Amino acid sequence: MKTETIDALASIGNRATGTGAGLTVLGWITSAQFVSLAGLALALAGVLVNWHYRAKSNRRQEAEHELRVELLRSKRQMESDLGDLGVDE
């Protein structure tokens, strides 16, 4: 998956967590047990989705970093949008 897709899915997890937490508070205030439990379940699902996709994004970024380091160590030319490395502007 592309990094943007992974970040978007993690963002959805964040929103689900917030919505679930809000439903939990609403259920607690109104003493509606079903709403409280549904909100708690939604918040937990959001946390799990967020955790999964953030971990996936971190693994992808680590692999990309290792590749960049390997290319720099072998002194091969690397296509990069970062500009010339080692040149102060």
N, C-alpha and C. Protein backbone atom coordinates (compact mmCIF):
# COMPACT_ATOMS: atom_id res chain seq x y z
N MET A 1 0.83 -1.18 0.00
CA MET A 1 0.00 0.00 0.00
C MET A 1 0.87 1.23 0.00
N LYS A 2 0.35 2.29 -0.58
CA LYS A 2 1.07 3.55 -0.59
C LYS A 2 1.03 4.18 0.80
N THR A 3 2.01 5.00 1.08
CA THR A 3 2.10 5.66 2.38
C THR A 3 0.87 6.52 2.64
N GLU A 4 0.38 7.19 1.59
CA GLU A 4 -0.79 8.04 1.77
C GLU A 4 -2.02 7.22 2.16
N THR A 5 -2.16 6.05 1.57
CA THR A 5 -3.28 5.17 1.89
C THR A 5 -3.20 4.70 3.33
N ILE A 6 -2.01 4.31 3.75
CA ILE A 6 -1.82 3.84 5.12
C ILE A 6 -2.12 4.95 6.11
N ASP A 7 -1.64 6.17 5.80
CA ASP A 7 -1.91 7.30 6.68
C ASP A 7 -3.40 7.63 6.73
N ALA A 8 -4.08 7.50 5.58
CA ALA A 8 -5.53 7.78 5.55
C ALA A 8 -6.29 6.76 6.39
N LEU A 9 -5.89 5.50 6.31
CA LEU A 9 -6.56 4.47 7.11
C LEU A 9 -6.29 4.67 8.60
N ALA A 10 -5.10 5.09 8.94
CA ALA A 10 -4.80 5.38 10.34
C ALA A 10 -5.62 6.58 10.82
N SER A 11 -5.83 7.54 9.94
CA SER A 11 -6.66 8.70 10.29
C SER A 11 -8.10 8.27 10.54
N ILE A 12 -8.59 7.34 9.76
CA ILE A 12 -9.94 6.80 9.98
C ILE A 12 -10.01 6.13 11.34
N GLY A 13 -8.96 5.42 11.70
CA GLY A 13 -8.90 4.81 13.03
C GLY A 13 -8.96 5.84 14.13
N ASN A 14 -8.27 6.98 13.92
CA ASN A 14 -8.33 8.06 14.90
C ASN A 14 -9.75 8.59 15.06
N ARG A 15 -10.43 8.80 13.93
CA ARG A 15 -11.80 9.31 13.99
C ARG A 15 -12.74 8.31 14.64
N ALA A 16 -12.56 7.03 14.36
CA ALA A 16 -13.39 6.01 14.99
C ALA A 16 -13.17 5.98 16.49
N THR A 17 -11.93 6.16 16.90
CA THR A 17 -11.63 6.21 18.33
C THR A 17 -12.33 7.38 19.00
N GLY A 18 -12.26 8.54 18.38
CA GLY A 18 -12.92 9.72 18.93
C GLY A 18 -14.43 9.56 18.98
N THR A 19 -15.00 9.00 17.92
CA THR A 19 -16.44 8.78 17.89
C THR A 19 -16.86 7.78 18.96
N GLY A 20 -16.10 6.71 19.07
CA GLY A 20 -16.41 5.70 20.09
C GLY A 20 -16.31 6.25 21.49
N ALA A 21 -15.29 7.08 21.72
CA ALA A 21 -15.14 7.68 23.05
C ALA A 21 -16.31 8.62 23.34
N GLY A 22 -16.73 9.37 22.33
CA GLY A 22 -17.88 10.26 22.50
C GLY A 22 -19.16 9.49 22.80
N LEU A 23 -19.37 8.39 22.10
CA LEU A 23 -20.55 7.55 22.36
C LEU A 23 -20.50 6.95 23.76
N THR A 24 -19.31 6.59 24.20
CA THR A 24 -19.17 6.04 25.55
C THR A 24 -19.57 7.07 26.59
N VAL A 25 -19.09 8.29 26.43
CA VAL A 25 -19.44 9.36 27.37
C VAL A 25 -20.93 9.65 27.32
N LEU A 26 -21.49 9.71 26.10
CA LEU A 26 -22.93 9.96 25.95
C LEU A 26 -23.75 8.86 26.64
N GLY A 27 -23.35 7.63 26.45
CA GLY A 27 -24.04 6.52 27.09
C GLY A 27 -23.92 6.56 28.60
N TRP A 28 -22.78 6.98 29.09
CA TRP A 28 -22.58 7.08 30.53
C TRP A 28 -23.46 8.18 31.12
N ILE A 29 -23.50 9.32 30.40
CA ILE A 29 -24.31 10.44 30.88
C ILE A 29 -25.80 10.08 30.89
N THR A 30 -26.26 9.41 29.85
CA THR A 30 -27.68 9.08 29.76
C THR A 30 -28.01 7.74 30.42
N SER A 31 -27.02 7.10 30.97
CA SER A 31 -27.18 5.79 31.60
C SER A 31 -27.74 4.74 30.65
N ALA A 32 -27.42 4.88 29.37
CA ALA A 32 -27.83 3.89 28.37
C ALA A 32 -26.69 2.89 28.22
N GLN A 33 -26.87 1.73 28.76
CA GLN A 33 -25.81 0.74 28.80
C GLN A 33 -25.41 0.29 27.39
N PHE A 34 -26.37 0.12 26.50
CA PHE A 34 -26.05 -0.32 25.14
C PHE A 34 -25.18 0.71 24.42
N VAL A 35 -25.54 1.99 24.54
CA VAL A 35 -24.77 3.05 23.88
C VAL A 35 -23.36 3.10 24.46
N SER A 36 -23.22 2.95 25.75
CA SER A 36 -21.91 2.95 26.38
C SER A 36 -21.05 1.80 25.87
N LEU A 37 -21.62 0.62 25.81
CA LEU A 37 -20.87 -0.55 25.34
C LEU A 37 -20.54 -0.44 23.85
N ALA A 38 -21.49 0.08 23.07
CA ALA A 38 -21.23 0.25 21.63
C ALA A 38 -20.12 1.27 21.43
N GLY A 39 -20.16 2.36 22.18
CA GLY A 39 -19.11 3.37 22.07
C GLY A 39 -17.76 2.83 22.49
N LEU A 40 -17.73 2.05 23.53
CA LEU A 40 -16.49 1.45 24.00
C LEU A 40 -15.93 0.49 22.94
N ALA A 41 -16.80 -0.30 22.34
CA ALA A 41 -16.37 -1.23 21.30
C ALA A 41 -15.83 -0.48 20.08
N LEU A 42 -16.51 0.60 19.69
CA LEU A 42 -16.06 1.39 18.55
C LEU A 42 -14.72 2.06 18.85
N ALA A 43 -14.56 2.58 20.05
CA ALA A 43 -13.30 3.21 20.42
C ALA A 43 -12.16 2.18 20.40
N LEU A 44 -12.40 1.01 20.91
CA LEU A 44 -11.39 -0.04 20.90
C LEU A 44 -11.04 -0.45 19.47
N ALA A 45 -12.04 -0.59 18.63
CA ALA A 45 -11.78 -0.94 17.22
C ALA A 45 -10.95 0.15 16.55
N GLY A 46 -11.27 1.41 16.84
CA GLY A 46 -10.50 2.51 16.26
C GLY A 46 -9.06 2.50 16.70
N VAL A 47 -8.83 2.22 17.97
CA VAL A 47 -7.46 2.15 18.48
C VAL A 47 -6.70 1.02 17.79
N LEU A 48 -7.33 -0.13 17.61
CA LEU A 48 -6.67 -1.26 16.96
C LEU A 48 -6.35 -0.97 15.50
N VAL A 49 -7.28 -0.35 14.78
CA VAL A 49 -7.04 0.01 13.37
C VAL A 49 -5.90 1.02 13.29
N ASN A 50 -5.94 2.02 14.14
CA ASN A 50 -4.90 3.03 14.15
C ASN A 50 -3.54 2.40 14.46
N TRP A 51 -3.48 1.56 15.45
CA TRP A 51 -2.23 0.91 15.83
C TRP A 51 -1.68 0.08 14.67
N HIS A 52 -2.55 -0.69 14.01
CA HIS A 52 -2.12 -1.56 12.91
C HIS A 52 -1.50 -0.76 11.77
N TYR A 53 -2.21 0.28 11.33
CA TYR A 53 -1.72 1.02 10.18
C TYR A 53 -0.55 1.94 10.52
N ARG A 54 -0.47 2.44 11.72
CA ARG A 54 0.71 3.23 12.12
C ARG A 54 1.94 2.32 12.19
N ALA A 55 1.78 1.11 12.70
CA ALA A 55 2.90 0.16 12.75
C ALA A 55 3.36 -0.20 11.34
N LYS A 56 2.39 -0.39 10.44
CA LYS A 56 2.72 -0.71 9.05
C LYS A 56 3.47 0.45 8.40
N SER A 57 3.04 1.67 8.68
CA SER A 57 3.70 2.85 8.14
C SER A 57 5.12 2.96 8.69
N ASN A 58 5.30 2.69 9.97
CA ASN A 58 6.63 2.75 10.57
C ASN A 58 7.57 1.72 9.96
N ARG A 59 7.07 0.49 9.74
CA ARG A 59 7.90 -0.54 9.12
C ARG A 59 8.32 -0.12 7.72
N ARG A 60 7.39 0.47 6.97
CA ARG A 60 7.70 0.91 5.62
C ARG A 60 8.75 2.02 5.64
N GLN A 61 8.61 2.97 6.54
CA GLN A 61 9.58 4.06 6.63
C GLN A 61 10.95 3.57 7.06
N GLU A 62 11.00 2.59 7.95
CA GLU A 62 12.28 2.03 8.38
C GLU A 62 12.98 1.33 7.22
N ALA A 63 12.21 0.58 6.43
CA ALA A 63 12.79 -0.12 5.28
C ALA A 63 13.32 0.88 4.26
N GLU A 64 12.58 1.95 4.03
CA GLU A 64 13.02 2.99 3.11
C GLU A 64 14.29 3.66 3.62
N HIS A 65 14.35 3.91 4.91
CA HIS A 65 15.54 4.53 5.50
C HIS A 65 16.76 3.62 5.35
N GLU A 66 16.57 2.33 5.61
CA GLU A 66 17.68 1.38 5.48
C GLU A 66 18.19 1.34 4.04
N LEU A 67 17.28 1.39 3.08
CA LEU A 67 17.68 1.39 1.68
C LEU A 67 18.48 2.64 1.34
N ARG A 68 18.02 3.80 1.83
CA ARG A 68 18.76 5.05 1.59
C ARG A 68 20.16 4.98 2.20
N VAL A 69 20.26 4.47 3.42
CA VAL A 69 21.56 4.36 4.08
C VAL A 69 22.47 3.42 3.30
N GLU A 70 21.93 2.30 2.85
CA GLU A 70 22.73 1.35 2.08
C GLU A 70 23.21 1.98 0.77
N LEU A 71 22.35 2.72 0.11
CA LEU A 71 22.75 3.37 -1.14
C LEU A 71 23.81 4.44 -0.88
N LEU A 72 23.68 5.18 0.20
CA LEU A 72 24.69 6.19 0.52
C LEU A 72 26.02 5.56 0.88
N ARG A 73 25.99 4.46 1.59
CA ARG A 73 27.24 3.79 1.98
C ARG A 73 27.96 3.20 0.79
N SER A 74 27.21 2.72 -0.18
CA SER A 74 27.83 2.13 -1.35
C SER A 74 28.21 3.21 -2.36
N LYS A 75 27.90 4.46 -2.06
CA LYS A 75 28.24 5.62 -2.87
C LYS A 75 27.66 5.55 -4.27
N ARG A 76 26.56 4.81 -4.40
CA ARG A 76 25.85 4.80 -5.68
C ARG A 76 25.02 6.06 -5.78
N GLN A 77 24.73 6.45 -6.98
CA GLN A 77 23.88 7.61 -7.21
C GLN A 77 22.46 7.24 -6.83
N MET A 78 21.78 8.15 -6.16
CA MET A 78 20.43 7.88 -5.68
C MET A 78 19.53 9.00 -6.16
N GLU A 79 18.41 8.61 -6.73
CA GLU A 79 17.41 9.60 -7.10
C GLU A 79 16.67 10.01 -5.84
N SER A 80 16.63 11.30 -5.59
CA SER A 80 16.02 11.77 -4.37
C SER A 80 15.42 13.14 -4.60
N ASP A 81 14.33 13.42 -3.90
CA ASP A 81 13.75 14.75 -3.94
C ASP A 81 14.30 15.60 -2.80
N LEU A 82 15.31 15.07 -2.10
CA LEU A 82 15.88 15.77 -0.97
C LEU A 82 16.99 16.74 -1.38
N GLY A 83 17.41 16.68 -2.63
CA GLY A 83 18.49 17.54 -3.08
C GLY A 83 19.83 16.88 -2.84
N ASP A 84 20.89 17.62 -3.09
CA ASP A 84 22.23 17.09 -2.90
C ASP A 84 22.52 16.92 -1.42
N LEU A 85 22.98 15.75 -1.07
CA LEU A 85 23.31 15.49 0.32
C LEU A 85 24.71 16.01 0.60
N GLY A 86 24.88 16.60 1.78
CA GLY A 86 26.18 17.10 2.17
C GLY A 86 26.44 18.53 1.74
N VAL A 87 25.50 19.15 1.07
CA VAL A 87 25.68 20.52 0.61
C VAL A 87 24.81 21.43 1.48
N ASP A 88 25.43 22.36 2.16
CA ASP A 88 24.69 23.31 2.97
C ASP A 88 24.16 24.43 2.11
N GLU A 89 22.96 24.82 2.38
CA GLU A 89 22.37 25.92 1.60
C GLU A 89 22.41 27.18 2.39
